Amino acid sequence: TLQKTTKPPRVLGETDTYIEAEVALEDIVQGSEVAQGQEQITQTN
């Protein structure tokens, strides 16, 4: 678990105001539920 989760992501693209990092497949799967849930939000705050 520690080897998978602590491996630093590789930067795919970066500007002064934006950065994109490459992540392992299992991390994307684990984070997918959060992303799907937030896409259903219509209005916040």
ModelCIF file with pLDDT and N, C-alpha, C, O atoms, coordinates in Angstrom:
data_MODEL
#
_entry.id   MODEL 
#
_entity.id                         1 
_entity.type                       polymer 
_entity.pdbx_number_of_molecules   1 
#
_entity_poly.entity_id                      1 
_entity_poly.type                           'polypeptide(L)' 
_entity_poly.nstd_linkage                   no 
_entity_poly.nstd_monomer                   no 
_entity_poly.pdbx_seq_one_letter_code       TLQKTTKPPRVLGETDTYIEAEVALEDIVQGSEVAQGQEQITQTN 
_entity_poly.pdbx_seq_one_letter_code_can   TLQKTTKPPRVLGETDTYIEAEVALEDIVQGSEVAQGQEQITQTN 
_entity_poly.pdbx_strand_id                 A 
#
loop_
_entity_poly_seq.entity_id 
_entity_poly_seq.num 
_entity_poly_seq.mon_id 
_entity_poly_seq.hetero 
1 1  THR n 
1 2  LEU n 
1 3  GLN n 
1 4  LYS n 
1 5  THR n 
1 6  THR n 
1 7  LYS n 
1 8  PRO n 
1 9  PRO n 
1 10 ARG n 
1 11 VAL n 
1 12 LEU n 
1 13 GLY n 
1 14 GLU n 
1 15 THR n 
1 16 ASP n 
1 17 THR n 
1 18 TYR n 
1 19 ILE n 
1 20 GLU n 
1 21 ALA n 
1 22 GLU n 
1 23 VAL n 
1 24 ALA n 
1 25 LEU n 
1 26 GLU n 
1 27 ASP n 
1 28 ILE n 
1 29 VAL n 
1 30 GLN n 
1 31 GLY n 
1 32 SER n 
1 33 GLU n 
1 34 VAL n 
1 35 ALA n 
1 36 GLN n 
1 37 GLY n 
1 38 GLN n 
1 39 GLU n 
1 40 GLN n 
1 41 ILE n 
1 42 THR n 
1 43 GLN n 
1 44 THR n 
1 45 ASN n 
#
_struct_asym.id          A 
_struct_asym.entity_id   1 
#
loop_
_ma_qa_metric.id 
_ma_qa_metric.mode 
_ma_qa_metric.name 
_ma_qa_metric.software_group_id 
_ma_qa_metric.type 
1 global pLDDT . pLDDT 
2 local  pLDDT . pLDDT 
#
_ma_qa_metric_global.metric_id      1 
_ma_qa_metric_global.metric_value   47.16 
_ma_qa_metric_global.model_id       1 
_ma_qa_metric_global.ordinal_id     1 
#
loop_
_ma_qa_metric_local.label_asym_id 
_ma_qa_metric_local.label_comp_id 
_ma_qa_metric_local.label_seq_id 
_ma_qa_metric_local.metric_id 
_ma_qa_metric_local.metric_value 
_ma_qa_metric_local.model_id 
_ma_qa_metric_local.ordinal_id 
A THR 1  2 36.00 1 1  
A LEU 2  2 36.00 1 2  
A GLN 3  2 38.00 1 3  
A LYS 4  2 41.00 1 4  
A THR 5  2 43.00 1 5  
A THR 6  2 45.00 1 6  
A LYS 7  2 52.00 1 7  
A PRO 8  2 54.00 1 8  
A PRO 9  2 55.00 1 9  
A ARG 10 2 58.00 1 10 
A VAL 11 2 58.00 1 11 
A LEU 12 2 55.00 1 12 
A GLY 13 2 54.00 1 13 
A GLU 14 2 59.00 1 14 
A THR 15 2 69.00 1 15 
A ASP 16 2 63.00 1 16 
A THR 17 2 66.00 1 17 
A TYR 18 2 66.00 1 18 
A ILE 19 2 66.00 1 19 
A GLU 20 2 66.00 1 20 
A ALA 21 2 61.00 1 21 
A GLU 22 2 50.00 1 22 
A VAL 23 2 51.00 1 23 
A ALA 24 2 44.00 1 24 
A LEU 25 2 41.00 1 25 
A GLU 26 2 47.00 1 26 
A ASP 27 2 45.00 1 27 
A ILE 28 2 43.00 1 28 
A VAL 29 2 42.00 1 29 
A GLN 30 2 43.00 1 30 
A GLY 31 2 40.00 1 31 
A SER 32 2 39.00 1 32 
A GLU 33 2 40.00 1 33 
A VAL 34 2 38.00 1 34 
A ALA 35 2 38.00 1 35 
A GLN 36 2 38.00 1 36 
A GLY 37 2 37.00 1 37 
A GLN 38 2 37.00 1 38 
A GLU 39 2 36.00 1 39 
A GLN 40 2 34.00 1 40 
A ILE 41 2 35.00 1 41 
A THR 42 2 35.00 1 42 
A GLN 43 2 38.00 1 43 
A THR 44 2 43.00 1 44 
A ASN 45 2 47.00 1 45 
#
loop_
_atom_site.group_PDB 
_atom_site.id 
_atom_site.type_symbol 
_atom_site.label_atom_id 
_atom_site.label_alt_id 
_atom_site.label_comp_id 
_atom_site.label_asym_id 
_atom_site.label_entity_id 
_atom_site.label_seq_id 
_atom_site.pdbx_PDB_ins_code 
_atom_site.Cartn_x 
_atom_site.Cartn_y 
_atom_site.Cartn_z 
_atom_site.occupancy 
_atom_site.B_iso_or_equiv 
_atom_site.pdbx_formal_charge 
_atom_site.auth_seq_id 
_atom_site.auth_comp_id 
_atom_site.auth_asym_id 
_atom_site.auth_atom_id 
_atom_site.pdbx_PDB_model_num 
ATOM 1   N N  . THR A 1 1  ? 0.821   -1.212 0.000   1.00 36.00 ? 1  THR A N  1 
ATOM 2   C CA . THR A 1 1  ? 0.000   0.000  0.000   1.00 36.00 ? 1  THR A CA 1 
ATOM 3   C C  . THR A 1 1  ? 0.850   1.255  0.000   1.00 36.00 ? 1  THR A C  1 
ATOM 4   O O  . THR A 1 1  ? 0.568   2.201  -0.735  1.00 36.00 ? 1  THR A O  1 
ATOM 5   N N  . LEU A 1 2  ? 1.893   1.267  0.825   1.00 36.00 ? 2  LEU A N  1 
ATOM 6   C CA . LEU A 1 2  ? 2.723   2.452  0.921   1.00 36.00 ? 2  LEU A CA 1 
ATOM 7   C C  . LEU A 1 2  ? 3.476   2.703  -0.362  1.00 36.00 ? 2  LEU A C  1 
ATOM 8   O O  . LEU A 1 2  ? 3.680   3.853  -0.750  1.00 36.00 ? 2  LEU A O  1 
ATOM 9   N N  . GLN A 1 3  ? 3.894   1.637  -1.027  1.00 38.00 ? 3  GLN A N  1 
ATOM 10  C CA . GLN A 1 3  ? 4.614   1.820  -2.287  1.00 38.00 ? 3  GLN A CA 1 
ATOM 11  C C  . GLN A 1 3  ? 3.710   2.431  -3.343  1.00 38.00 ? 3  GLN A C  1 
ATOM 12  O O  . GLN A 1 3  ? 4.153   3.235  -4.163  1.00 38.00 ? 3  GLN A O  1 
ATOM 13  N N  . LYS A 1 4  ? 2.427   2.041  -3.321  1.00 41.00 ? 4  LYS A N  1 
ATOM 14  C CA . LYS A 1 4  ? 1.512   2.539  -4.344  1.00 41.00 ? 4  LYS A CA 1 
ATOM 15  C C  . LYS A 1 4  ? 1.074   3.968  -4.064  1.00 41.00 ? 4  LYS A C  1 
ATOM 16  O O  . LYS A 1 4  ? 0.951   4.782  -4.980  1.00 41.00 ? 4  LYS A O  1 
ATOM 17  N N  . THR A 1 5  ? 0.836   4.268  -2.775  1.00 43.00 ? 5  THR A N  1 
ATOM 18  C CA . THR A 1 5  ? 0.235   5.557  -2.464  1.00 43.00 ? 5  THR A CA 1 
ATOM 19  C C  . THR A 1 5  ? 1.243   6.672  -2.257  1.00 43.00 ? 5  THR A C  1 
ATOM 20  O O  . THR A 1 5  ? 0.887   7.845  -2.367  1.00 43.00 ? 5  THR A O  1 
ATOM 21  N N  . THR A 1 6  ? 2.498   6.337  -1.958  1.00 45.00 ? 6  THR A N  1 
ATOM 22  C CA . THR A 1 6  ? 3.461   7.392  -1.696  1.00 45.00 ? 6  THR A CA 1 
ATOM 23  C C  . THR A 1 6  ? 4.352   7.682  -2.901  1.00 45.00 ? 6  THR A C  1 
ATOM 24  O O  . THR A 1 6  ? 5.210   8.563  -2.845  1.00 45.00 ? 6  THR A O  1 
ATOM 25  N N  . LYS A 1 7  ? 4.150   6.944  -3.981  1.00 52.00 ? 7  LYS A N  1 
ATOM 26  C CA . LYS A 1 7  ? 4.945   7.194  -5.177  1.00 52.00 ? 7  LYS A CA 1 
ATOM 27  C C  . LYS A 1 7  ? 4.587   8.563  -5.747  1.00 52.00 ? 7  LYS A C  1 
ATOM 28  O O  . LYS A 1 7  ? 3.418   8.800  -6.053  1.00 52.00 ? 7  LYS A O  1 
ATOM 29  N N  . PRO A 1 8  ? 5.539   9.461  -5.898  1.00 54.00 ? 8  PRO A N  1 
ATOM 30  C CA . PRO A 1 8  ? 5.202   10.810 -6.360  1.00 54.00 ? 8  PRO A CA 1 
ATOM 31  C C  . PRO A 1 8  ? 4.663   10.788 -7.786  1.00 54.00 ? 8  PRO A C  1 
ATOM 32  O O  . PRO A 1 8  ? 5.210   10.087 -8.638  1.00 54.00 ? 8  PRO A O  1 
ATOM 33  N N  . PRO A 1 9  ? 3.596   11.546 -8.062  1.00 55.00 ? 9  PRO A N  1 
ATOM 34  C CA . PRO A 1 9  ? 3.035   11.579 -9.414  1.00 55.00 ? 9  PRO A CA 1 
ATOM 35  C C  . PRO A 1 9  ? 3.975   12.284 -10.383 1.00 55.00 ? 9  PRO A C  1 
ATOM 36  O O  . PRO A 1 9  ? 4.734   13.175 -10.003 1.00 55.00 ? 9  PRO A O  1 
ATOM 37  N N  . ARG A 1 10 ? 3.907   11.868 -11.633 1.00 58.00 ? 10 ARG A N  1 
ATOM 38  C CA . ARG A 1 10 ? 4.732   12.488 -12.665 1.00 58.00 ? 10 ARG A CA 1 
ATOM 39  C C  . ARG A 1 10 ? 3.949   13.631 -13.295 1.00 58.00 ? 10 ARG A C  1 
ATOM 40  O O  . ARG A 1 10 ? 2.787   13.461 -13.664 1.00 58.00 ? 10 ARG A O  1 
ATOM 41  N N  . VAL A 1 11 ? 4.575   14.786 -13.419 1.00 58.00 ? 11 VAL A N  1 
ATOM 42  C CA . VAL A 1 11 ? 3.917   15.958 -13.987 1.00 58.00 ? 11 VAL A CA 1 
ATOM 43  C C  . VAL A 1 11 ? 3.821   15.806 -15.495 1.00 58.00 ? 11 VAL A C  1 
ATOM 44  O O  . VAL A 1 11 ? 4.832   15.635 -16.176 1.00 58.00 ? 11 VAL A O  1 
ATOM 45  N N  . LEU A 1 12 ? 2.595   15.870 -16.014 1.00 55.00 ? 12 LEU A N  1 
ATOM 46  C CA . LEU A 1 12 ? 2.375   15.760 -17.457 1.00 55.00 ? 12 LEU A CA 1 
ATOM 47  C C  . LEU A 1 12 ? 2.383   17.112 -18.143 1.00 55.00 ? 12 LEU A C  1 
ATOM 48  O O  . LEU A 1 12 ? 2.850   17.239 -19.274 1.00 55.00 ? 12 LEU A O  1 
ATOM 49  N N  . GLY A 1 13 ? 1.868   18.116 -17.460 1.00 54.00 ? 13 GLY A N  1 
ATOM 50  C CA . GLY A 1 13 ? 1.824   19.457 -18.041 1.00 54.00 ? 13 GLY A CA 1 
ATOM 51  C C  . GLY A 1 13 ? 1.703   20.490 -16.951 1.00 54.00 ? 13 GLY A C  1 
ATOM 52  O O  . GLY A 1 13 ? 1.012   20.267 -15.957 1.00 54.00 ? 13 GLY A O  1 
ATOM 53  N N  . GLU A 1 14 ? 2.367   21.623 -17.120 1.00 59.00 ? 14 GLU A N  1 
ATOM 54  C CA . GLU A 1 14 ? 2.344   22.643 -16.081 1.00 59.00 ? 14 GLU A CA 1 
ATOM 55  C C  . GLU A 1 14 ? 2.530   24.022 -16.692 1.00 59.00 ? 14 GLU A C  1 
ATOM 56  O O  . GLU A 1 14 ? 3.372   24.225 -17.566 1.00 59.00 ? 14 GLU A O  1 
ATOM 57  N N  . THR A 1 15 ? 1.720   24.971 -16.209 1.00 69.00 ? 15 THR A N  1 
ATOM 58  C CA . THR A 1 15 ? 1.911   26.387 -16.522 1.00 69.00 ? 15 THR A CA 1 
ATOM 59  C C  . THR A 1 15 ? 1.975   27.124 -15.191 1.00 69.00 ? 15 THR A C  1 
ATOM 60  O O  . THR A 1 15 ? 1.995   26.493 -14.134 1.00 69.00 ? 15 THR A O  1 
ATOM 61  N N  . ASP A 1 16 ? 2.009   28.433 -15.231 1.00 63.00 ? 16 ASP A N  1 
ATOM 62  C CA . ASP A 1 16 ? 2.037   29.201 -13.985 1.00 63.00 ? 16 ASP A CA 1 
ATOM 63  C C  . ASP A 1 16 ? 0.781   28.975 -13.149 1.00 63.00 ? 16 ASP A C  1 
ATOM 64  O O  . ASP A 1 16 ? 0.827   29.039 -11.921 1.00 63.00 ? 16 ASP A O  1 
ATOM 65  N N  . THR A 1 17 ? -0.342  28.711 -13.820 1.00 66.00 ? 17 THR A N  1 
ATOM 66  C CA . THR A 1 17 ? -1.610  28.647 -13.092 1.00 66.00 ? 17 THR A CA 1 
ATOM 67  C C  . THR A 1 17 ? -2.268  27.277 -13.125 1.00 66.00 ? 17 THR A C  1 
ATOM 68  O O  . THR A 1 17 ? -3.347  27.115 -12.556 1.00 66.00 ? 17 THR A O  1 
ATOM 69  N N  . TYR A 1 18 ? -1.658  26.274 -13.773 1.00 66.00 ? 18 TYR A N  1 
ATOM 70  C CA . TYR A 1 18 ? -2.318  24.971 -13.924 1.00 66.00 ? 18 TYR A CA 1 
ATOM 71  C C  . TYR A 1 18 ? -1.287  23.868 -13.941 1.00 66.00 ? 18 TYR A C  1 
ATOM 72  O O  . TYR A 1 18 ? -0.203  24.037 -14.500 1.00 66.00 ? 18 TYR A O  1 
ATOM 73  N N  . ILE A 1 19 ? -1.613  22.732 -13.329 1.00 66.00 ? 19 ILE A N  1 
ATOM 74  C CA . ILE A 1 19 ? -0.721  21.573 -13.342 1.00 66.00 ? 19 ILE A CA 1 
ATOM 75  C C  . ILE A 1 19 ? -1.554  20.307 -13.445 1.00 66.00 ? 19 ILE A C  1 
ATOM 76  O O  . ILE A 1 19 ? -2.633  20.206 -12.861 1.00 66.00 ? 19 ILE A O  1 
ATOM 77  N N  . GLU A 1 20 ? -1.031  19.334 -14.205 1.00 66.00 ? 20 GLU A N  1 
ATOM 78  C CA . GLU A 1 20 ? -1.671  18.035 -14.354 1.00 66.00 ? 20 GLU A CA 1 
ATOM 79  C C  . GLU A 1 20 ? -0.659  16.962 -14.014 1.00 66.00 ? 20 GLU A C  1 
ATOM 80  O O  . GLU A 1 20 ? 0.473   16.985 -14.497 1.00 66.00 ? 20 GLU A O  1 
ATOM 81  N N  . ALA A 1 21 ? -1.074  16.015 -13.173 1.00 61.00 ? 21 ALA A N  1 
ATOM 82  C CA . ALA A 1 21 ? -0.157  14.963 -12.733 1.00 61.00 ? 21 ALA A CA 1 
ATOM 83  C C  . ALA A 1 21 ? -0.648  13.602 -13.186 1.00 61.00 ? 21 ALA A C  1 
ATOM 84  O O  . ALA A 1 21 ? -1.850  13.340 -13.211 1.00 61.00 ? 21 ALA A O  1 
ATOM 85  N N  . GLU A 1 22 ? 0.295   12.730 -13.546 1.00 50.00 ? 22 GLU A N  1 
ATOM 86  C CA . GLU A 1 22 ? -0.036  11.354 -13.919 1.00 50.00 ? 22 GLU A CA 1 
ATOM 87  C C  . GLU A 1 22 ? -0.148  10.528 -12.651 1.00 50.00 ? 22 GLU A C  1 
ATOM 88  O O  . GLU A 1 22 ? 0.713   10.614 -11.775 1.00 50.00 ? 22 GLU A O  1 
ATOM 89  N N  . VAL A 1 23 ? -1.197  9.732  -12.545 1.00 51.00 ? 23 VAL A N  1 
ATOM 90  C CA . VAL A 1 23 ? -1.409  8.936  -11.335 1.00 51.00 ? 23 VAL A CA 1 
ATOM 91  C C  . VAL A 1 23 ? -1.603  7.476  -11.708 1.00 51.00 ? 23 VAL A C  1 
ATOM 92  O O  . VAL A 1 23 ? -1.907  7.138  -12.852 1.00 51.00 ? 23 VAL A O  1 
ATOM 93  N N  . ALA A 1 24 ? -1.415  6.611  -10.695 1.00 44.00 ? 24 ALA A N  1 
ATOM 94  C CA . ALA A 1 24 ? -1.601  5.182  -10.917 1.00 44.00 ? 24 ALA A CA 1 
ATOM 95  C C  . ALA A 1 24 ? -3.072  4.865  -11.136 1.00 44.00 ? 24 ALA A C  1 
ATOM 96  O O  . ALA A 1 24 ? -3.947  5.612  -10.700 1.00 44.00 ? 24 ALA A O  1 
ATOM 97  N N  . LEU A 1 25 ? -3.341  3.753  -11.814 1.00 41.00 ? 25 LEU A N  1 
ATOM 98  C CA . LEU A 1 25 ? -4.710  3.382  -12.153 1.00 41.00 ? 25 LEU A CA 1 
ATOM 99  C C  . LEU A 1 25 ? -5.571  3.207  -10.912 1.00 41.00 ? 25 LEU A C  1 
ATOM 100 O O  . LEU A 1 25 ? -6.727  3.629  -10.884 1.00 41.00 ? 25 LEU A O  1 
ATOM 101 N N  . GLU A 1 26 ? -4.985  2.565  -9.853  1.00 47.00 ? 26 GLU A N  1 
ATOM 102 C CA . GLU A 1 26 ? -5.777  2.333  -8.647  1.00 47.00 ? 26 GLU A CA 1 
ATOM 103 C C  . GLU A 1 26 ? -6.169  3.633  -7.969  1.00 47.00 ? 26 GLU A C  1 
ATOM 104 O O  . GLU A 1 26 ? -7.229  3.706  -7.347  1.00 47.00 ? 26 GLU A O  1 
ATOM 105 N N  . ASP A 1 27 ? -5.322  4.678  -8.076  1.00 45.00 ? 27 ASP A N  1 
ATOM 106 C CA . ASP A 1 27 ? -5.663  5.966  -7.478  1.00 45.00 ? 27 ASP A CA 1 
ATOM 107 C C  . ASP A 1 27 ? -6.817  6.616  -8.204  1.00 45.00 ? 27 ASP A C  1 
ATOM 108 O O  . ASP A 1 27 ? -7.680  7.243  -7.591  1.00 45.00 ? 27 ASP A O  1 
ATOM 109 N N  . ILE A 1 28 ? -6.827  6.458  -9.544  1.00 43.00 ? 28 ILE A N  1 
ATOM 110 C CA . ILE A 1 28 ? -7.920  7.019  -10.332 1.00 43.00 ? 28 ILE A CA 1 
ATOM 111 C C  . ILE A 1 28 ? -9.225  6.323  -9.985  1.00 43.00 ? 28 ILE A C  1 
ATOM 112 O O  . ILE A 1 28 ? -10.266 6.972  -9.876  1.00 43.00 ? 28 ILE A O  1 
ATOM 113 N N  . VAL A 1 29 ? -9.178  4.996  -9.808  1.00 42.00 ? 29 VAL A N  1 
ATOM 114 C CA . VAL A 1 29 ? -10.378 4.247  -9.437  1.00 42.00 ? 29 VAL A CA 1 
ATOM 115 C C  . VAL A 1 29 ? -10.871 4.670  -8.070  1.00 42.00 ? 29 VAL A C  1 
ATOM 116 O O  . VAL A 1 29 ? -12.073 4.848  -7.870  1.00 42.00 ? 29 VAL A O  1 
ATOM 117 N N  . GLN A 1 30 ? -9.942  4.837  -7.108  1.00 43.00 ? 30 GLN A N  1 
ATOM 118 C CA . GLN A 1 30 ? -10.328 5.235  -5.764  1.00 43.00 ? 30 GLN A CA 1 
ATOM 119 C C  . GLN A 1 30 ? -10.916 6.638  -5.746  1.00 43.00 ? 30 GLN A C  1 
ATOM 120 O O  . GLN A 1 30 ? -11.811 6.920  -4.950  1.00 43.00 ? 30 GLN A O  1 
ATOM 121 N N  . GLY A 1 31 ? -10.428 7.519  -6.610  1.00 40.00 ? 31 GLY A N  1 
ATOM 122 C CA . GLY A 1 31 ? -10.918 8.889  -6.632  1.00 40.00 ? 31 GLY A CA 1 
ATOM 123 C C  . GLY A 1 31 ? -12.144 9.089  -7.488  1.00 40.00 ? 31 GLY A C  1 
ATOM 124 O O  . GLY A 1 31 ? -12.734 10.170 -7.477  1.00 40.00 ? 31 GLY A O  1 
ATOM 125 N N  . SER A 1 32 ? -12.557 8.041  -8.255  1.00 39.00 ? 32 SER A N  1 
ATOM 126 C CA . SER A 1 32 ? -13.654 8.223  -9.195  1.00 39.00 ? 32 SER A CA 1 
ATOM 127 C C  . SER A 1 32 ? -14.978 8.476  -8.490  1.00 39.00 ? 32 SER A C  1 
ATOM 128 O O  . SER A 1 32 ? -15.814 9.229  -8.989  1.00 39.00 ? 32 SER A O  1 
ATOM 129 N N  . GLU A 1 33 ? -15.177 7.841  -7.314  1.00 40.00 ? 33 GLU A N  1 
ATOM 130 C CA . GLU A 1 33 ? -16.435 8.050  -6.613  1.00 40.00 ? 33 GLU A CA 1 
ATOM 131 C C  . GLU A 1 33 ? -16.604 9.489  -6.186  1.00 40.00 ? 33 GLU A C  1 
ATOM 132 O O  . GLU A 1 33 ? -17.710 10.028 -6.235  1.00 40.00 ? 33 GLU A O  1 
ATOM 133 N N  . VAL A 1 34 ? -15.507 10.126 -5.760  1.00 38.00 ? 34 VAL A N  1 
ATOM 134 C CA . VAL A 1 34 ? -15.564 11.534 -5.357  1.00 38.00 ? 34 VAL A CA 1 
ATOM 135 C C  . VAL A 1 34 ? -15.936 12.400 -6.546  1.00 38.00 ? 34 VAL A C  1 
ATOM 136 O O  . VAL A 1 34 ? -16.799 13.272 -6.442  1.00 38.00 ? 34 VAL A O  1 
ATOM 137 N N  . ALA A 1 35 ? -15.279 12.157 -7.689  1.00 38.00 ? 35 ALA A N  1 
ATOM 138 C CA . ALA A 1 35 ? -15.529 12.976 -8.870  1.00 38.00 ? 35 ALA A CA 1 
ATOM 139 C C  . ALA A 1 35 ? -16.966 12.838 -9.336  1.00 38.00 ? 35 ALA A C  1 
ATOM 140 O O  . ALA A 1 35 ? -17.611 13.830 -9.676  1.00 38.00 ? 35 ALA A O  1 
ATOM 141 N N  . GLN A 1 36 ? -17.485 11.570 -9.352  1.00 38.00 ? 36 GLN A N  1 
ATOM 142 C CA . GLN A 1 36 ? -18.849 11.365 -9.811  1.00 38.00 ? 36 GLN A CA 1 
ATOM 143 C C  . GLN A 1 36 ? -19.846 12.048 -8.891  1.00 38.00 ? 36 GLN A C  1 
ATOM 144 O O  . GLN A 1 36 ? -20.828 12.636 -9.343  1.00 38.00 ? 36 GLN A O  1 
ATOM 145 N N  . GLY A 1 37 ? -19.582 11.962 -7.599  1.00 37.00 ? 37 GLY A N  1 
ATOM 146 C CA . GLY A 1 37 ? -20.491 12.590 -6.648  1.00 37.00 ? 37 GLY A CA 1 
ATOM 147 C C  . GLY A 1 37 ? -20.527 14.087 -6.797  1.00 37.00 ? 37 GLY A C  1 
ATOM 148 O O  . GLY A 1 37 ? -21.582 14.702 -6.639  1.00 37.00 ? 37 GLY A O  1 
ATOM 149 N N  . GLN A 1 38 ? -19.384 14.693 -7.102  1.00 37.00 ? 38 GLN A N  1 
ATOM 150 C CA . GLN A 1 38 ? -19.337 16.147 -7.203  1.00 37.00 ? 38 GLN A CA 1 
ATOM 151 C C  . GLN A 1 38 ? -19.948 16.637 -8.497  1.00 37.00 ? 38 GLN A C  1 
ATOM 152 O O  . GLN A 1 38 ? -20.428 17.768 -8.566  1.00 37.00 ? 38 GLN A O  1 
ATOM 153 N N  . GLU A 1 39 ? -19.939 15.795 -9.536  1.00 36.00 ? 39 GLU A N  1 
ATOM 154 C CA . GLU A 1 39 ? -20.559 16.211 -10.790 1.00 36.00 ? 39 GLU A CA 1 
ATOM 155 C C  . GLU A 1 39 ? -22.067 16.335 -10.643 1.00 36.00 ? 39 GLU A C  1 
ATOM 156 O O  . GLU A 1 39 ? -22.717 17.015 -11.437 1.00 36.00 ? 39 GLU A O  1 
ATOM 157 N N  . GLN A 1 40 ? -22.632 15.670 -9.615  1.00 34.00 ? 40 GLN A N  1 
ATOM 158 C CA . GLN A 1 40 ? -24.070 15.734 -9.416  1.00 34.00 ? 40 GLN A CA 1 
ATOM 159 C C  . GLN A 1 40 ? -24.497 16.985 -8.665  1.00 34.00 ? 40 GLN A C  1 
ATOM 160 O O  . GLN A 1 40 ? -25.688 17.285 -8.586  1.00 34.00 ? 40 GLN A O  1 
ATOM 161 N N  . ILE A 1 41 ? -23.538 17.715 -8.113  1.00 35.00 ? 41 ILE A N  1 
ATOM 162 C CA . ILE A 1 41 ? -23.856 18.936 -7.374  1.00 35.00 ? 41 ILE A CA 1 
ATOM 163 C C  . ILE A 1 41 ? -24.298 20.019 -8.355  1.00 35.00 ? 41 ILE A C  1 
ATOM 164 O O  . ILE A 1 41 ? -23.616 20.257 -9.352  1.00 35.00 ? 41 ILE A O  1 
ATOM 165 N N  . THR A 1 42 ? -25.410 20.671 -8.093  1.00 35.00 ? 42 THR A N  1 
ATOM 166 C CA . THR A 1 42 ? -25.893 21.708 -8.999  1.00 35.00 ? 42 THR A CA 1 
ATOM 167 C C  . THR A 1 42 ? -25.625 23.111 -8.469  1.00 35.00 ? 42 THR A C  1 
ATOM 168 O O  . THR A 1 42 ? -25.488 24.056 -9.244  1.00 35.00 ? 42 THR A O  1 
ATOM 169 N N  . GLN A 1 43 ? -25.553 23.242 -7.170  1.00 38.00 ? 43 GLN A N  1 
ATOM 170 C CA . GLN A 1 43 ? -25.301 24.565 -6.607  1.00 38.00 ? 43 GLN A CA 1 
ATOM 171 C C  . GLN A 1 43 ? -24.750 24.421 -5.198  1.00 38.00 ? 43 GLN A C  1 
ATOM 172 O O  . GLN A 1 43 ? -25.269 23.625 -4.415  1.00 38.00 ? 43 GLN A O  1 
ATOM 173 N N  . THR A 1 44 ? -23.715 25.169 -4.862  1.00 43.00 ? 44 THR A N  1 
ATOM 174 C CA . THR A 1 44 ? -23.114 25.067 -3.544  1.00 43.00 ? 44 THR A CA 1 
ATOM 175 C C  . THR A 1 44 ? -22.835 26.458 -2.996  1.00 43.00 ? 44 THR A C  1 
ATOM 176 O O  . THR A 1 44 ? -22.723 27.435 -3.736  1.00 43.00 ? 44 THR A O  1 
ATOM 177 N N  . ASN A 1 45 ? -22.726 26.512 -1.675  1.00 47.00 ? 45 ASN A N  1 
ATOM 178 C CA . ASN A 1 45 ? -22.312 27.751 -1.017  1.00 47.00 ? 45 ASN A CA 1 
ATOM 179 C C  . ASN A 1 45 ? -23.183 28.943 -1.400  1.00 47.00 ? 45 ASN A C  1 
ATOM 180 O O  . ASN A 1 45 ? -22.954 30.054 -0.923  1.00 47.00 ? 45 ASN A O  1 
#
